[in-house]
Amino acid sequence: MGIIWMLIVGGIIGWLAGLLTGRDVPGGIIGNIIAGFIGSWLGSLILGSWGPVIGGFAIIPAIIGSIILVLIVSFILRKMGQKKNHGHHAK
């Protein structure tokens, strides 16, 4: 049950980060779970582990870390998309 609970909480954290930033996390549910896990790691690295802990995640740093991650990923994807579009215009 522990791993399933972690996946659910990680997915919710990733989904919340996407919701709060107004950006979709690529990869759907799996993307949300990955964003939640990486965001949680990033948040606890930057902010430490404090506040309520649910499913092994310090929720507040995890959500903040996930928001940072979602913003970085969407920025990179937008830049990559712009490069692809510029390449088509050059032909």
PDB file of N, CA and C in Angstrom:
ATOM      1  N   MET A   1       0.825  -1.212   0.000  1.00  0.00           N
ATOM      2  CA  MET A   1       0.000   0.000   0.000  1.00  0.00           C
ATOM      3  C   MET A   1       0.859   1.261   0.000  1.00  0.00           C
ATOM      4  N   GLY A   2       2.053   1.176   0.606  1.00  0.00           N
ATOM      5  CA  GLY A   2       2.911   2.355   0.712  1.00  0.00           C
ATOM      6  C   GLY A   2       3.290   2.944  -0.628  1.00  0.00           C
ATOM      7  N   ILE A   3       3.673   2.090  -1.591  1.00  0.00           N
ATOM      8  CA  ILE A   3       4.104   2.587  -2.904  1.00  0.00           C
ATOM      9  C   ILE A   3       2.913   3.182  -3.657  1.00  0.00           C
ATOM     10  N   ILE A   4       1.773   2.513  -3.595  1.00  0.00           N
ATOM     11  CA  ILE A   4       0.573   3.026  -4.276  1.00  0.00           C
ATOM     12  C   ILE A   4       0.190   4.392  -3.693  1.00  0.00           C
ATOM     13  N   TRP A   5       0.235   4.509  -2.369  1.00  0.00           N
ATOM     14  CA  TRP A   5      -0.081   5.783  -1.704  1.00  0.00           C
ATOM     15  C   TRP A   5       0.890   6.866  -2.152  1.00  0.00           C
ATOM     16  N   MET A   6       2.196   6.527  -2.258  1.00  0.00           N
ATOM     17  CA  MET A   6       3.187   7.500  -2.725  1.00  0.00           C
ATOM     18  C   MET A   6       2.899   7.936  -4.159  1.00  0.00           C
ATOM     19  N   LEU A   7       2.505   6.987  -5.016  1.00  0.00           N
ATOM     20  CA  LEU A   7       2.187   7.324  -6.414  1.00  0.00           C
ATOM     21  C   LEU A   7       0.981   8.254  -6.481  1.00  0.00           C
ATOM     22  N   ILE A   8      -0.032   7.960  -5.662  1.00  0.00           N
ATOM     23  CA  ILE A   8      -1.238   8.805  -5.644  1.00  0.00           C
ATOM     24  C   ILE A   8      -0.886  10.212  -5.175  1.00  0.00           C
ATOM     25  N   VAL A   9      -0.173  10.318  -4.047  1.00  0.00           N
ATOM     26  CA  VAL A   9       0.190  11.634  -3.502  1.00  0.00           C
ATOM     27  C   VAL A   9       1.103  12.376  -4.477  1.00  0.00           C
ATOM     28  N   GLY A  10       2.082  11.664  -5.065  1.00  0.00           N
ATOM     29  CA  GLY A  10       2.971  12.278  -6.062  1.00  0.00           C
ATOM     30  C   GLY A  10       2.186  12.800  -7.253  1.00  0.00           C
ATOM     31  N   GLY A  11       1.219  12.019  -7.714  1.00  0.00           N
ATOM     32  CA  GLY A  11       0.373  12.440  -8.837  1.00  0.00           C
ATOM     33  C   GLY A  11      -0.441  13.674  -8.502  1.00  0.00           C
ATOM     34  N   ILE A  12      -0.990  13.710  -7.286  1.00  0.00           N
ATOM     35  CA  ILE A  12      -1.790  14.869  -6.853  1.00  0.00           C
ATOM     36  C   ILE A  12      -0.903  16.115  -6.761  1.00  0.00           C
ATOM     37  N   ILE A  13       0.310  15.955  -6.241  1.00  0.00           N
ATOM     38  CA  ILE A  13       1.236  17.096  -6.146  1.00  0.00           C
ATOM     39  C   ILE A  13       1.561  17.633  -7.539  1.00  0.00           C
ATOM     40  N   GLY A  14       1.865  16.735  -8.474  1.00  0.00           N
ATOM     41  CA  GLY A  14       2.148  17.148  -9.852  1.00  0.00           C
ATOM     42  C   GLY A  14       0.953  17.815 -10.508  1.00  0.00           C
ATOM     43  N   TRP A  15      -0.242  17.251 -10.266  1.00  0.00           N
ATOM     44  CA  TRP A  15      -1.470  17.808 -10.832  1.00  0.00           C
ATOM     45  C   TRP A  15      -1.728  19.204 -10.271  1.00  0.00           C
ATOM     46  N   LEU A  16      -1.544  19.360  -8.955  1.00  0.00           N
ATOM     47  CA  LEU A  16      -1.727  20.668  -8.317  1.00  0.00           C
ATOM     48  C   LEU A  16      -0.751  21.694  -8.889  1.00  0.00           C
ATOM     49  N   ALA A  17       0.501  21.271  -9.097  1.00  0.00           N
ATOM     50  CA  ALA A  17       1.502  22.187  -9.659  1.00  0.00           C
ATOM     51  C   ALA A  17       1.073  22.651 -11.045  1.00  0.00           C
ATOM     52  N   GLY A  18       0.578  21.729 -11.871  1.00  0.00           N
ATOM     53  CA  GLY A  18       0.086  22.093 -13.201  1.00  0.00           C
ATOM     54  C   GLY A  18      -1.105  23.028 -13.121  1.00  0.00           C
ATOM     55  N   LEU A  19      -2.004  22.745 -12.174  1.00  0.00           N
ATOM     56  CA  LEU A  19      -3.201  23.558 -11.984  1.00  0.00           C
ATOM     57  C   LEU A  19      -2.822  24.975 -11.545  1.00  0.00           C
ATOM     58  N   LEU A  20      -1.913  25.081 -10.580  1.00  0.00           N
ATOM     59  CA  LEU A  20      -1.531  26.379 -10.029  1.00  0.00           C
ATOM     60  C   LEU A  20      -0.733  27.227 -11.019  1.00  0.00           C
ATOM     61  N   THR A  21      -0.002  26.579 -11.931  1.00  0.00           N
ATOM     62  CA  THR A  21       0.774  27.333 -12.915  1.00  0.00           C
ATOM     63  C   THR A  21      -0.018  27.568 -14.192  1.00  0.00           C
ATOM     64  N   GLY A  22      -1.162  26.878 -14.330  1.00  0.00           N
ATOM     65  CA  GLY A  22      -1.963  27.016 -15.550  1.00  0.00           C
ATOM     66  C   GLY A  22      -1.328  26.308 -16.736  1.00  0.00           C
ATOM     67  N   ARG A  23      -0.438  25.352 -16.467  1.00  0.00           N
ATOM     68  CA  ARG A  23       0.234  24.620 -17.544  1.00  0.00           C
ATOM     69  C   ARG A  23      -0.006  23.127 -17.346  1.00  0.00           C
ATOM     70  N   ASP A  24      -0.182  22.435 -18.451  1.00  0.00           N
ATOM     71  CA  ASP A  24      -0.336  20.982 -18.367  1.00  0.00           C
ATOM     72  C   ASP A  24       1.029  20.337 -18.257  1.00  0.00           C
ATOM     73  N   VAL A  25       1.125  19.349 -17.391  1.00  0.00           N
ATOM     74  CA  VAL A  25       2.353  18.571 -17.283  1.00  0.00           C
ATOM     75  C   VAL A  25       2.315  17.547 -18.413  1.00  0.00           C
ATOM     76  N   PRO A  26       3.361  17.509 -19.269  1.00  0.00           N
ATOM     77  CA  PRO A  26       3.345  16.523 -20.356  1.00  0.00           C
ATOM     78  C   PRO A  26       3.345  15.104 -19.799  1.00  0.00           C
ATOM     79  N   GLY A  27       2.662  14.190 -20.460  1.00  0.00           N
ATOM     80  CA  GLY A  27       2.661  12.791 -20.037  1.00  0.00           C
ATOM     81  C   GLY A  27       1.462  12.395 -19.203  1.00  0.00           C
ATOM     82  N   GLY A  28       0.480  13.271 -19.051  1.00  0.00           N
ATOM     83  CA  GLY A  28      -0.745  12.921 -18.338  1.00  0.00           C
ATOM     84  C   GLY A  28      -0.490  12.507 -16.894  1.00  0.00           C
ATOM     85  N   ILE A  29      -1.150  11.422 -16.478  1.00  0.00           N
ATOM     86  CA  ILE A  29      -1.059  10.964 -15.082  1.00  0.00           C
ATOM     87  C   ILE A  29       0.382  10.598 -14.729  1.00  0.00           C
ATOM     88  N   ILE A  30       1.061   9.885 -15.630  1.00  0.00           N
ATOM     89  CA  ILE A  30       2.455   9.482 -15.376  1.00  0.00           C
ATOM     90  C   ILE A  30       3.327  10.730 -15.230  1.00  0.00           C
ATOM     91  N   GLY A  31       3.119  11.716 -16.095  1.00  0.00           N
ATOM     92  CA  GLY A  31       3.859  12.979 -16.016  1.00  0.00           C
ATOM     93  C   GLY A  31       3.623  13.690 -14.693  1.00  0.00           C
ATOM     94  N   ASN A  32       2.366  13.666 -14.231  1.00  0.00           N
ATOM     95  CA  ASN A  32       2.041  14.276 -12.936  1.00  0.00           C
ATOM     96  C   ASN A  32       2.765  13.573 -11.800  1.00  0.00           C
ATOM     97  N   ILE A  33       2.784  12.238 -11.836  1.00  0.00           N
ATOM     98  CA  ILE A  33       3.462  11.477 -10.787  1.00  0.00           C
ATOM     99  C   ILE A  33       4.954  11.791 -10.795  1.00  0.00           C
ATOM    100  N   ILE A  34       5.556  11.797 -11.990  1.00  0.00           N
ATOM    101  CA  ILE A  34       6.996  12.099 -12.102  1.00  0.00           C
ATOM    102  C   ILE A  34       7.269  13.522 -11.618  1.00  0.00           C
ATOM    103  N   ALA A  35       6.428  14.478 -12.044  1.00  0.00           N
ATOM    104  CA  ALA A  35       6.598  15.866 -11.606  1.00  0.00           C
ATOM    105  C   ALA A  35       6.465  15.976 -10.094  1.00  0.00           C
ATOM    106  N   GLY A  36       5.532  15.217  -9.507  1.00  0.00           N
ATOM    107  CA  GLY A  36       5.349  15.217  -8.056  1.00  0.00           C
ATOM    108  C   GLY A  36       6.574  14.686  -7.334  1.00  0.00           C
ATOM    109  N   PHE A  37       7.130  13.577  -7.843  1.00  0.00           N
ATOM    110  CA  PHE A  37       8.304  12.973  -7.207  1.00  0.00           C
ATOM    111  C   PHE A  37       9.533  13.873  -7.354  1.00  0.00           C
ATOM    112  N   ILE A  38       9.811  14.313  -8.584  1.00  0.00           N
ATOM    113  CA  ILE A  38      10.990  15.163  -8.805  1.00  0.00           C
ATOM    114  C   ILE A  38      10.805  16.507  -8.111  1.00  0.00           C
ATOM    115  N   GLY A  39       9.598  17.060  -8.191  1.00  0.00           N
ATOM    116  CA  GLY A  39       9.296  18.333  -7.531  1.00  0.00           C
ATOM    117  C   GLY A  39       9.454  18.235  -6.027  1.00  0.00           C
ATOM    118  N   SER A  40       9.032  17.110  -5.461  1.00  0.00           N
ATOM    119  CA  SER A  40       9.171  16.889  -4.023  1.00  0.00           C
ATOM    120  C   SER A  40      10.645  16.851  -3.628  1.00  0.00           C
ATOM    121  N   TRP A  41      11.428  16.146  -4.422  1.00  0.00           N
ATOM    122  CA  TRP A  41      12.868  16.068  -4.172  1.00  0.00           C
ATOM    123  C   TRP A  41      13.493  17.460  -4.277  1.00  0.00           C
ATOM    124  N   LEU A  42      13.135  18.185  -5.341  1.00  0.00           N
ATOM    125  CA  LEU A  42      13.661  19.532  -5.574  1.00  0.00           C
ATOM    126  C   LEU A  42      13.250  20.469  -4.437  1.00  0.00           C
ATOM    127  N   GLY A  43      11.980  20.410  -4.049  1.00  0.00           N
ATOM    128  CA  GLY A  43      11.467  21.274  -2.978  1.00  0.00           C
ATOM    129  C   GLY A  43      12.152  21.008  -1.651  1.00  0.00           C
ATOM    130  N   SER A  44      12.356  19.721  -1.309  1.00  0.00           N
ATOM    131  CA  SER A  44      13.002  19.417  -0.028  1.00  0.00           C
ATOM    132  C   SER A  44      14.490  19.755  -0.080  1.00  0.00           C
ATOM    133  N   LEU A  45      15.076  19.702  -1.265  1.00  0.00           N
ATOM    134  CA  LEU A  45      16.479  20.090  -1.441  1.00  0.00           C
ATOM    135  C   LEU A  45      16.643  21.593  -1.169  1.00  0.00           C
ATOM    136  N   ILE A  46      15.727  22.381  -1.725  1.00  0.00           N
ATOM    137  CA  ILE A  46      15.792  23.843  -1.599  1.00  0.00           C
ATOM    138  C   ILE A  46      15.265  24.313  -0.240  1.00  0.00           C
ATOM    139  N   LEU A  47      14.119  23.774   0.172  1.00  0.00           N
ATOM    140  CA  LEU A  47      13.407  24.300   1.339  1.00  0.00           C
ATOM    141  C   LEU A  47      13.499  23.424   2.584  1.00  0.00           C
ATOM    142  N   GLY A  48      14.024  22.214   2.439  1.00  0.00           N
ATOM    143  CA  GLY A  48      14.040  21.283   3.567  1.00  0.00           C
ATOM    144  C   GLY A  48      12.685  20.617   3.719  1.00  0.00           C
ATOM    145  N   SER A  49      12.574  19.679   4.639  1.00  0.00           N
ATOM    146  CA  SER A  49      11.302  18.979   4.875  1.00  0.00           C
ATOM    147  C   SER A  49      10.630  19.560   6.101  1.00  0.00           C
ATOM    148  N   TRP A  50       9.547  20.275   5.904  1.00  0.00           N
ATOM    149  CA  TRP A  50       8.799  20.848   7.007  1.00  0.00           C
ATOM    150  C   TRP A  50       7.317  20.834   6.643  1.00  0.00           C
ATOM    151  N   GLY A  51       6.490  21.121   7.600  1.00  0.00           N
ATOM    152  CA  GLY A  51       5.051  21.131   7.365  1.00  0.00           C
ATOM    153  C   GLY A  51       4.492  19.724   7.374  1.00  0.00           C
ATOM    154  N   PRO A  52       3.232  19.604   6.992  1.00  0.00           N
ATOM    155  CA  PRO A  52       2.597  18.281   7.036  1.00  0.00           C
ATOM    156  C   PRO A  52       3.238  17.309   6.055  1.00  0.00           C
ATOM    157  N   VAL A  53       3.368  16.063   6.474  1.00  0.00           N
ATOM    158  CA  VAL A  53       3.919  15.010   5.620  1.00  0.00           C
ATOM    159  C   VAL A  53       2.800  14.028   5.299  1.00  0.00           C
ATOM    160  N   ILE A  54       2.559  13.815   4.013  1.00  0.00           N
ATOM    161  CA  ILE A  54       1.530  12.864   3.575  1.00  0.00           C
ATOM    162  C   ILE A  54       2.170  11.926   2.561  1.00  0.00           C
ATOM    163  N   GLY A  55       2.052  10.629   2.790  1.00  0.00           N
ATOM    164  CA  GLY A  55       2.585   9.638   1.849  1.00  0.00           C
ATOM    165  C   GLY A  55       4.082   9.760   1.658  1.00  0.00           C
ATOM    166  N   GLY A  56       4.785  10.230   2.681  1.00  0.00           N
ATOM    167  CA  GLY A  56       6.237  10.372   2.570  1.00  0.00           C
ATOM    168  C   GLY A  56       6.679  11.698   1.965  1.00  0.00           C
ATOM    169  N   PHE A  57       5.731  12.551   1.590  1.00  0.00           N
ATOM    170  CA  PHE A  57       6.064  13.850   0.996  1.00  0.00           C
ATOM    171  C   PHE A  57       5.807  14.960   2.006  1.00  0.00           C
ATOM    172  N   ALA A  58       6.783  15.851   2.176  1.00  0.00           N
ATOM    173  CA  ALA A  58       6.537  17.090   2.919  1.00  0.00           C
ATOM    174  C   ALA A  58       5.762  17.976   1.943  1.00  0.00           C
ATOM    175  N   ILE A  59       4.475  18.089   2.151  1.00  0.00           N
ATOM    176  CA  ILE A  59       3.546  18.609   1.143  1.00  0.00           C
ATOM    177  C   ILE A  59       3.889  20.012   0.633  1.00  0.00           C
ATOM    178  N   ILE A  60       4.143  20.953   1.510  1.00  0.00           N
ATOM    179  CA  ILE A  60       4.351  22.346   1.072  1.00  0.00           C
ATOM    180  C   ILE A  60       5.634  22.486   0.231  1.00  0.00           C
ATOM    181  N   PRO A  61       6.800  22.009   0.721  1.00  0.00           N
ATOM    182  CA  PRO A  61       7.987  22.069  -0.143  1.00  0.00           C
ATOM    183  C   PRO A  61       7.809  21.261  -1.435  1.00  0.00           C
ATOM    184  N   ALA A  62       7.081  20.140  -1.374  1.00  0.00           N
ATOM    185  CA  ALA A  62       6.862  19.309  -2.559  1.00  0.00           C
ATOM    186  C   ALA A  62       6.065  20.067  -3.618  1.00  0.00           C
ATOM    187  N   ILE A  63       5.016  20.754  -3.193  1.00  0.00           N
ATOM    188  CA  ILE A  63       4.192  21.510  -4.152  1.00  0.00           C
ATOM    189  C   ILE A  63       5.000  22.670  -4.736  1.00  0.00           C
ATOM    190  N   ILE A  64       5.744  23.387  -3.908  1.00  0.00           N
ATOM    191  CA  ILE A  64       6.560  24.502  -4.399  1.00  0.00           C
ATOM    192  C   ILE A  64       7.616  23.984  -5.379  1.00  0.00           C
ATOM    193  N   GLY A  65       8.287  22.884  -5.018  1.00  0.00           N
ATOM    194  CA  GLY A  65       9.286  22.286  -5.909  1.00  0.00           C
ATOM    195  C   GLY A  65       8.670  21.838  -7.220  1.00  0.00           C
ATOM    196  N   SER A  66       7.461  21.261  -7.164  1.00  0.00           N
ATOM    197  CA  SER A  66       6.779  20.805  -8.375  1.00  0.00           C
ATOM    198  C   SER A  66       6.385  21.982  -9.261  1.00  0.00           C
ATOM    199  N   ILE A  67       5.957  23.074  -8.649  1.00  0.00           N
ATOM    200  CA  ILE A  67       5.617  24.280  -9.428  1.00  0.00           C
ATOM    201  C   ILE A  67       6.860  24.779 -10.165  1.00  0.00           C
ATOM    202  N   ILE A  68       7.996  24.832  -9.464  1.00  0.00           N
ATOM    203  CA  ILE A  68       9.263  25.249 -10.092  1.00  0.00           C
ATOM    204  C   ILE A  68       9.587  24.321 -11.262  1.00  0.00           C
ATOM    205  N   LEU A  69       9.447  23.007 -11.030  1.00  0.00           N
ATOM    206  CA  LEU A  69       9.735  22.020 -12.069  1.00  0.00           C
ATOM    207  C   LEU A  69       8.820  22.194 -13.274  1.00  0.00           C
ATOM    208  N   VAL A  70       7.521  22.359 -13.046  1.00  0.00           N
ATOM    209  CA  VAL A  70       6.561  22.518 -14.138  1.00  0.00           C
ATOM    210  C   VAL A  70       6.884  23.776 -14.949  1.00  0.00           C
ATOM    211  N   LEU A  71       7.223  24.858 -14.272  1.00  0.00           N
ATOM    212  CA  LEU A  71       7.573  26.096 -14.979  1.00  0.00           C
ATOM    213  C   LEU A  71       8.836  25.913 -15.827  1.00  0.00           C
ATOM    214  N   ILE A  72       9.842  25.224 -15.275  1.00  0.00           N
ATOM    215  CA  ILE A  72      11.086  24.976 -16.018  1.00  0.00           C
ATOM    216  C   ILE A  72      10.811  24.101 -17.234  1.00  0.00           C
ATOM    217  N   VAL A  73      10.073  23.003 -17.037  1.00  0.00           N
ATOM    218  CA  VAL A  73       9.781  22.078 -18.143  1.00  0.00           C
ATOM    219  C   VAL A  73       8.966  22.771 -19.228  1.00  0.00           C
ATOM    220  N   SER A  74       7.942  23.533 -18.860  1.00  0.00           N
ATOM    221  CA  SER A  74       7.121  24.201 -19.871  1.00  0.00           C
ATOM    222  C   SER A  74       7.927  25.267 -20.605  1.00  0.00           C
ATOM    223  N   PHE A  75       8.856  25.931 -19.906  1.00  0.00           N
ATOM    224  CA  PHE A  75       9.734  26.917 -20.542  1.00  0.00           C
ATOM    225  C   PHE A  75      10.627  26.234 -21.573  1.00  0.00           C
ATOM    226  N   ILE A  76      11.236  25.100 -21.189  1.00  0.00           N
ATOM    227  CA  ILE A  76      12.120  24.362 -22.098  1.00  0.00           C
ATOM    228  C   ILE A  76      11.328  23.858 -23.305  1.00  0.00           C
ATOM    229  N   LEU A  77      10.147  23.287 -23.073  1.00  0.00           N
ATOM    230  CA  LEU A  77       9.335  22.772 -24.177  1.00  0.00           C
ATOM    231  C   LEU A  77       8.917  23.902 -25.116  1.00  0.00           C
ATOM    232  N   ARG A  78       8.595  25.073 -24.558  1.00  0.00           N
ATOM    233  CA  ARG A  78       8.210  26.216 -25.387  1.00  0.00           C
ATOM    234  C   ARG A  78       9.389  26.648 -26.246  1.00  0.00           C
ATOM    235  N   LYS A  79      10.593  26.694 -25.651  1.00  0.00           N
ATOM    236  CA  LYS A  79      11.795  27.074 -26.402  1.00  0.00           C
ATOM    237  C   LYS A  79      12.074  26.064 -27.515  1.00  0.00           C
ATOM    238  N   MET A  80      11.917  24.768 -27.210  1.00  0.00           N
ATOM    239  CA  MET A  80      12.136  23.736 -28.220  1.00  0.00           C
ATOM    240  C   MET A  80      11.106  23.859 -29.332  1.00  0.00           C
ATOM    241  N   GLY A  81       9.862  24.159 -28.963  1.00  0.00           N
ATOM    242  CA  GLY A  81       8.798  24.342 -29.948  1.00  0.00           C
ATOM    243  C   GLY A  81       9.075  25.525 -30.853  1.00  0.00           C
ATOM    244  N   GLN A  82       9.623  26.600 -30.286  1.00  0.00           N
ATOM    245  CA  GLN A  82       9.955  27.783 -31.084  1.00  0.00           C
ATOM    246  C   GLN A  82      11.071  27.470 -32.072  1.00  0.00           C
ATOM    247  N   LYS A  83      12.060  26.697 -31.629  1.00  0.00           N
ATOM    248  CA  LYS A  83      13.156  26.331 -32.525  1.00  0.00           C
ATOM    249  C   LYS A  83      12.646  25.504 -33.694  1.00  0.00           C
ATOM    250  N   LYS A  84      11.741  24.557 -33.426  1.00  0.00           N
ATOM    251  CA  LYS A  84      11.168  23.728 -34.485  1.00  0.00           C
ATOM    252  C   LYS A  84      10.391  24.599 -35.467  1.00  0.00           C
ATOM    253  N   ASN A  85       9.607  25.539 -34.941  1.00  0.00           N
ATOM    254  CA  ASN A  85       8.812  26.410 -35.809  1.00  0.00           C
ATOM    255  C   ASN A  85       9.702  27.305 -36.654  1.00  0.00           C
ATOM    256  N   HIS A  86      10.801  27.804 -36.072  1.00  0.00           N
ATOM    257  CA  HIS A  86      11.716  28.645 -36.847  1.00  0.00           C
ATOM    258  C   HIS A  86      12.362  27.853 -37.974  1.00  0.00           C
ATOM    259  N   GLY A  87      12.645  26.593 -37.721  1.00  0.00           N
ATOM    260  CA  GLY A  87      13.253  25.740 -38.729  1.00  0.00           C
ATOM    261  C   GLY A  87      12.330  25.560 -39.935  1.00  0.00           C
ATOM    262  N   HIS A  88      11.041  25.485 -39.711  1.00  0.00           N
ATOM    263  CA  HIS A  88      10.080  25.304 -40.811  1.00  0.00           C
ATOM    264  C   HIS A  88       9.948  26.586 -41.638  1.00  0.00           C
ATOM    265  N   HIS A  89      10.080  27.715 -40.990  1.00  0.00           N
ATOM    266  CA  HIS A  89       9.966  28.986 -41.715  1.00  0.00           C
ATOM    267  C   HIS A  89      11.153  29.231 -42.621  1.00  0.00           C
ATOM    268  N   ALA A  90      12.302  28.660 -42.259  1.00  0.00           N
ATOM    269  CA  ALA A  90      13.522  28.909 -43.025  1.00  0.00           C
ATOM    270  C   ALA A  90      13.507  28.205 -44.393  1.00  0.00           C
ATOM    271  N   LYS A  91      12.669  27.183 -44.548  1.00  0.00           N
ATOM    272  CA  LYS A  91      12.668  26.404 -45.816  1.00  0.00           C
ATOM    273  C   LYS A  91      12.127  27.186 -46.963  1.00  0.00           C
TER     274      LYS A  91
END
